[in-house]
Amino acid sequence: MSRMRVTISFVVAGVVLVIALGTPAISQTPKSGGTLNITQREDLPQGFAIHETQTSSTVWPSMPCFNNLVVYDPAKKVESFDTIVGDLAEKWSWQHNYRNLVFFLRKGVKWHDGQPFTSKDVKFTFDMVREGTDAPAKLRINPRKDWYTNVDSIETPDASTVVFHLKRPQPSILMMLASGYSPVYAAHVPPASYRTSCVGTGPFKLKEWRKGEFVEYVRNPDYFIKGRPYLEGLKYVVIVERGTRTAALQSGAVDVSYPGETSKTQAEQLKKAVP
């Protein structure tokens, strides 16, 4: 494994999210093709059901399948209100003194099964999470219901517009919607199915989840950002023992380590060990 590969391995969140979410913030000219092999420290506890989990062990290998309304720009070093960029929402607008948050959605986006993405999916997702009185579905576990207690209702004036009506002004709700825990689910797919499979709008489509071994994705040819993603696939390899994960990284069996588990000192030691 080259020194360049080891260096790339430790720019974990930035590299994978830029590739997966298609953020046009890489200064070098990207090359298309190839599969990125990524470390996963345990099997997915809740499958791909991000709205039912509190652990990165589910979010980390699931996000390539999904999109948010908005995300934090993964090319920025610090996540803040000012680094939020559109994802499924092309733009947004605050109205009525920060009590109405209006999202204008991308048009022509498709779910992985070919169904069109619309404002109905957004309303379905966040009515379900906030457990609204008219929510059409219910989560088995709902760790983030309290995030949306200030949402009074969600309106869909048309297929490409969504309005979050708030009880009180709350600019910070945009930051919660940018979180990795806030993907949009498909309204036509039972929420329970995300525990074993994934139908998203994301840059990669689920190919196979072999429990205890790996999660494998292939490039979504219908992704809404033209020419993205650059990679042909992603493979999250489950390696439970930390020392084995480090050895796999050093040998080139995997290209990217699990987020936050490699210190700067360990990274320098690994780079020195590479011929």
Protein backbone atom coordinates (compact mmCIF):
# COMPACT_ATOMS: atom_id res chain seq x y z
CA MET A 1 0.00 0.00 0.00
CA SER A 2 1.40 3.42 -0.95
CA ARG A 3 1.93 6.37 1.39
CA MET A 4 -0.81 8.20 -0.48
CA ARG A 5 -3.31 5.46 0.31
CA VAL A 6 -2.43 5.56 4.02
CA THR A 7 -2.79 9.33 4.09
CA ILE A 8 -6.18 9.15 2.42
CA SER A 9 -7.24 6.51 4.92
CA PHE A 10 -7.25 9.00 7.77
CA VAL A 11 -9.20 11.78 6.11
CA VAL A 12 -12.15 9.58 6.92
CA ALA A 13 -15.36 11.56 7.05
CA GLY A 14 -14.34 14.15 4.49
CA VAL A 15 -13.21 11.77 1.81
CA VAL A 16 -16.09 9.31 2.04
CA LEU A 17 -18.80 11.95 2.31
CA VAL A 18 -17.43 14.01 -0.56
CA ILE A 19 -17.42 10.88 -2.69
CA ALA A 20 -20.74 9.56 -1.45
CA LEU A 21 -22.75 12.77 -1.36
CA GLY A 22 -21.25 14.20 -4.51
CA THR A 23 -20.14 17.53 -3.09
CA PRO A 24 -18.13 19.38 -5.77
CA ALA A 25 -15.34 20.49 -3.45
CA ILE A 26 -12.32 18.42 -4.46
CA SER A 27 -9.55 20.56 -5.90
CA GLN A 28 -7.92 17.74 -7.88
CA THR A 29 -9.54 16.36 -11.02
CA PRO A 30 -11.27 13.17 -9.87
CA LYS A 31 -10.98 9.90 -11.76
CA SER A 32 -13.94 7.60 -12.22
CA GLY A 33 -14.01 3.92 -11.35
CA GLY A 34 -12.90 1.58 -8.62
CA THR A 35 -14.31 0.37 -5.32
CA LEU A 36 -13.43 1.88 -1.95
CA ASN A 37 -13.02 -0.66 0.86
CA ILE A 38 -13.97 0.79 4.23
CA THR A 39 -13.61 -0.49 7.78
CA GLN A 40 -16.77 -1.26 9.76
CA ARG A 41 -16.13 -2.11 13.43
CA GLU A 42 -19.37 -4.09 13.98
CA ASP A 43 -22.39 -5.31 12.07
CA LEU A 44 -25.18 -2.78 11.53
CA PRO A 45 -27.18 -2.79 14.82
CA GLN A 46 -30.41 -1.50 13.25
CA GLY A 47 -29.66 -2.33 9.65
CA PHE A 48 -30.16 0.80 7.51
CA ALA A 49 -32.89 2.24 9.77
CA ILE A 50 -31.09 5.45 10.68
CA HIS A 51 -34.20 6.96 12.27
CA GLU A 52 -34.24 4.08 14.76
CA THR A 53 -30.61 4.26 15.82
CA GLN A 54 -28.31 6.28 18.04
CA THR A 55 -25.04 4.81 16.82
CA SER A 56 -22.58 5.66 14.08
CA SER A 57 -22.26 1.92 13.41
CA THR A 58 -25.57 2.26 11.57
CA VAL A 59 -25.18 5.77 10.17
CA TRP A 60 -21.61 5.33 8.82
CA PRO A 61 -22.39 2.47 6.41
CA SER A 62 -25.96 3.61 5.61
CA MET A 63 -25.63 7.22 4.49
CA PRO A 64 -24.37 6.44 0.96
CA CYS A 65 -27.85 5.04 0.28
CA PHE A 66 -29.65 8.20 1.45
CA ASN A 67 -29.91 11.94 1.07
CA ASN A 68 -30.96 14.64 3.51
CA LEU A 69 -32.85 17.81 2.73
CA VAL A 70 -29.65 19.65 3.64
CA VAL A 71 -26.20 18.57 4.83
CA TYR A 72 -23.09 20.07 6.31
CA ASP A 73 -20.56 20.67 3.55
CA PRO A 74 -18.20 17.66 4.04
CA ALA A 75 -15.31 19.59 2.52
CA LYS A 76 -15.39 22.10 5.39
CA LYS A 77 -13.39 21.39 8.54
CA VAL A 78 -16.04 22.76 10.90
CA GLU A 79 -19.77 22.07 10.88
CA SER A 80 -21.74 25.25 11.48
CA PHE A 81 -24.87 27.07 10.37
CA ASP A 82 -22.78 28.72 7.66
CA THR A 83 -21.54 25.44 6.17
CA ILE A 84 -24.98 23.96 5.49
CA VAL A 85 -25.60 23.23 1.80
CA GLY A 86 -28.55 21.84 -0.12
CA ASP A 87 -28.99 18.14 -0.80
CA LEU A 88 -32.51 17.08 -1.80
CA ALA A 89 -33.47 20.70 -1.26
CA GLU A 90 -32.02 23.05 -3.86
CA LYS A 91 -32.70 26.05 -1.65
CA TRP A 92 -34.70 27.11 1.41
CA SER A 93 -36.25 30.22 2.83
CA TRP A 94 -37.23 31.43 6.29
CA GLN A 95 -40.57 33.18 6.58
CA HIS A 96 -42.78 34.63 9.31
CA ASN A 97 -39.89 35.55 11.62
CA TYR A 98 -38.25 32.09 11.56
CA ARG A 99 -41.52 30.25 12.18
CA ASN A 100 -41.93 28.87 8.65
CA LEU A 101 -39.07 27.03 6.98
CA VAL A 102 -39.74 26.48 3.26
CA PHE A 103 -37.75 23.96 1.23
CA PHE A 104 -37.70 23.99 -2.57
CA LEU A 105 -36.88 20.46 -3.68
CA ARG A 106 -34.89 19.13 -6.60
CA LYS A 107 -37.00 17.91 -9.49
CA GLY A 108 -36.47 14.67 -11.38
CA VAL A 109 -34.98 12.77 -8.42
CA LYS A 110 -35.76 9.05 -8.30
CA TRP A 111 -35.73 6.48 -5.54
CA HIS A 112 -33.57 3.43 -6.19
CA ASP A 113 -36.65 1.46 -7.22
CA GLY A 114 -37.52 4.04 -9.89
CA GLN A 115 -40.33 5.82 -8.05
CA PRO A 116 -40.21 9.65 -8.14
CA PHE A 117 -39.10 11.60 -5.07
CA THR A 118 -41.61 14.28 -4.01
CA SER A 119 -42.55 16.48 -1.08
CA LYS A 120 -44.79 13.64 0.10
CA ASP A 121 -41.67 11.68 1.10
CA VAL A 122 -40.37 14.55 3.22
CA LYS A 123 -43.68 14.99 5.03
CA PHE A 124 -43.97 11.23 5.55
CA THR A 125 -40.48 11.04 7.08
CA PHE A 126 -40.66 13.91 9.51
CA ASP A 127 -44.30 13.44 10.51
CA MET A 128 -43.24 9.90 11.42
CA VAL A 129 -40.18 11.04 13.39
CA ARG A 130 -42.05 13.76 15.30
CA GLU A 131 -44.99 11.37 15.80
CA GLY A 132 -47.51 13.83 14.42
CA THR A 133 -51.18 13.11 14.97
CA ASP A 134 -51.66 12.28 11.30
CA ALA A 135 -48.39 10.37 10.86
CA PRO A 136 -49.01 7.43 8.49
CA ALA A 137 -46.33 5.23 10.06
CA LYS A 138 -44.60 4.65 13.38
CA LEU A 139 -41.00 3.84 14.25
CA ARG A 140 -40.21 0.89 16.53
CA ILE A 141 -37.58 3.02 18.33
CA ASN A 142 -37.64 6.80 18.06
CA PRO A 143 -34.57 8.40 19.67
CA ARG A 144 -35.03 11.82 18.03
CA LYS A 145 -38.70 12.59 18.52
CA ASP A 146 -37.71 15.46 20.84
CA TRP A 147 -35.74 17.14 18.07
CA TYR A 148 -38.99 18.08 16.38
CA THR A 149 -41.31 18.97 19.27
CA ASN A 150 -41.38 22.56 18.01
CA VAL A 151 -42.79 21.50 14.63
CA ASP A 152 -46.51 22.29 14.57
CA SER A 153 -47.23 20.86 11.13
CA ILE A 154 -45.63 20.04 7.77
CA GLU A 155 -47.31 21.28 4.61
CA THR A 156 -46.77 20.22 0.99
CA PRO A 157 -48.18 22.95 -1.30
CA ASP A 158 -46.95 21.02 -4.33
CA ALA A 159 -44.69 18.12 -5.26
CA SER A 160 -41.51 20.18 -4.98
CA THR A 161 -42.24 22.40 -1.97
CA VAL A 162 -42.31 21.56 1.74
CA VAL A 163 -43.11 23.95 4.59
CA PHE A 164 -42.19 23.24 8.22
CA HIS A 165 -44.53 25.32 10.40
CA LEU A 166 -42.95 25.94 13.80
CA LYS A 167 -44.62 26.82 17.09
CA ARG A 168 -41.82 29.24 17.94
CA PRO A 169 -38.89 30.69 15.97
CA GLN A 170 -36.11 28.09 15.78
CA PRO A 171 -33.31 28.70 13.27
CA SER A 172 -31.38 25.77 14.79
CA ILE A 173 -33.78 23.21 13.31
CA LEU A 174 -31.88 23.58 10.04
CA MET A 175 -28.77 22.25 11.78
CA MET A 176 -30.64 19.19 13.02
CA LEU A 177 -31.95 18.52 9.51
CA ALA A 178 -28.33 18.65 8.28
CA SER A 179 -27.31 15.91 10.71
CA GLY A 180 -26.35 12.43 9.54
CA TYR A 181 -29.34 11.23 11.55
CA SER A 182 -31.87 13.03 9.31
CA PRO A 183 -32.22 11.19 5.97
CA VAL A 184 -35.44 11.24 3.97
CA TYR A 185 -37.26 7.90 3.77
CA ALA A 186 -39.49 6.80 0.88
CA ALA A 187 -43.19 7.17 1.65
CA HIS A 188 -44.03 4.08 -0.43
CA VAL A 189 -41.64 1.82 1.51
CA PRO A 190 -42.55 0.40 4.95
CA PRO A 191 -40.17 1.94 7.54
CA ALA A 192 -39.52 -1.50 9.06
CA SER A 193 -37.98 -2.65 5.77
CA TYR A 194 -35.01 -0.36 6.36
CA ARG A 195 -33.85 -2.73 9.08
CA THR A 196 -32.87 -5.25 6.40
CA SER A 197 -32.70 -3.32 3.10
CA CYS A 198 -32.38 0.20 1.75
CA VAL A 199 -34.35 2.15 -0.85
CA GLY A 200 -32.91 5.64 -0.98
CA THR A 201 -32.11 8.44 -3.40
CA GLY A 202 -28.39 8.38 -2.59
CA PRO A 203 -25.36 8.06 -4.85
CA PHE A 204 -25.00 4.33 -4.12
CA LYS A 205 -27.52 1.48 -4.28
CA LEU A 206 -27.39 -1.46 -1.89
CA LYS A 207 -26.06 -4.57 -3.63
CA GLU A 208 -25.69 -6.95 -0.69
CA TRP A 209 -25.59 -7.01 3.09
CA ARG A 210 -23.93 -10.19 4.25
CA LYS A 211 -24.47 -10.02 7.98
CA GLY A 212 -21.31 -10.11 10.05
CA GLU A 213 -19.13 -9.79 6.95
CA PHE A 214 -19.79 -6.75 4.74
CA VAL A 215 -22.15 -4.21 3.22
CA GLU A 216 -21.65 -3.64 -0.49
CA TYR A 217 -22.95 -0.79 -2.67
CA VAL A 218 -22.86 -0.11 -6.40
CA ARG A 219 -22.99 3.22 -8.18
CA ASN A 220 -26.44 4.71 -8.71
CA PRO A 221 -26.59 5.43 -12.47
CA ASP A 222 -29.64 7.68 -11.97
CA TYR A 223 -28.12 9.90 -9.29
CA PHE A 224 -29.36 13.47 -9.58
CA ILE A 225 -25.90 15.04 -9.76
CA LYS A 226 -24.61 14.42 -13.26
CA GLY A 227 -21.35 12.45 -13.36
CA ARG A 228 -21.50 11.48 -9.69
CA PRO A 229 -20.50 9.44 -7.85
CA TYR A 230 -17.02 8.86 -9.24
CA LEU A 231 -16.60 5.45 -7.63
CA GLU A 232 -18.20 2.31 -9.01
CA GLY A 233 -18.80 0.95 -5.54
CA LEU A 234 -18.28 0.97 -1.78
CA LYS A 235 -17.66 -2.01 0.47
CA TYR A 236 -17.87 -1.77 4.26
CA VAL A 237 -15.92 -4.69 5.70
CA VAL A 238 -16.79 -5.80 9.24
CA ILE A 239 -13.62 -6.26 11.30
CA VAL A 240 -14.44 -6.46 15.00
CA GLU A 241 -10.96 -6.54 16.55
CA ARG A 242 -9.21 -3.17 16.48
CA GLY A 243 -5.71 -4.54 15.96
CA THR A 244 -6.95 -6.55 12.98
CA ARG A 245 -8.53 -3.39 11.53
CA THR A 246 -5.20 -1.59 11.81
CA ALA A 247 -3.37 -4.49 10.16
CA ALA A 248 -5.93 -4.56 7.34
CA LEU A 249 -5.40 -0.85 6.75
CA GLN A 250 -1.63 -1.22 6.70
CA SER A 251 -1.73 -4.19 4.33
CA GLY A 252 -4.11 -2.52 1.88
CA ALA A 253 -7.02 -4.88 2.53
CA VAL A 254 -9.06 -1.77 3.35
CA ASP A 255 -8.57 1.82 2.24
CA VAL A 256 -10.37 3.82 4.92
CA SER A 257 -10.50 3.42 8.69
CA TYR A 258 -13.54 3.76 10.94
CA PRO A 259 -14.23 7.40 11.95
CA GLY A 260 -12.34 8.73 14.92
CA GLU A 261 -10.53 5.58 15.98
CA THR A 262 -7.06 6.38 14.59
CA SER A 263 -5.10 9.02 16.49
CA LYS A 264 -2.59 11.34 14.84
CA THR A 265 0.25 9.38 16.45
CA GLN A 266 -1.09 6.08 15.11
CA ALA A 267 -1.52 7.60 11.68
CA GLU A 268 2.10 8.76 11.64
CA GLN A 269 3.29 5.33 12.78
CA LEU A 270 1.30 3.64 10.03
CA LYS A 271 2.66 5.97 7.37
CA LYS A 272 6.22 5.24 8.51
CA ALA A 273 5.55 1.51 8.32
CA VAL A 274 4.54 1.72 4.67
CA PRO A 275 7.44 1.15 2.26
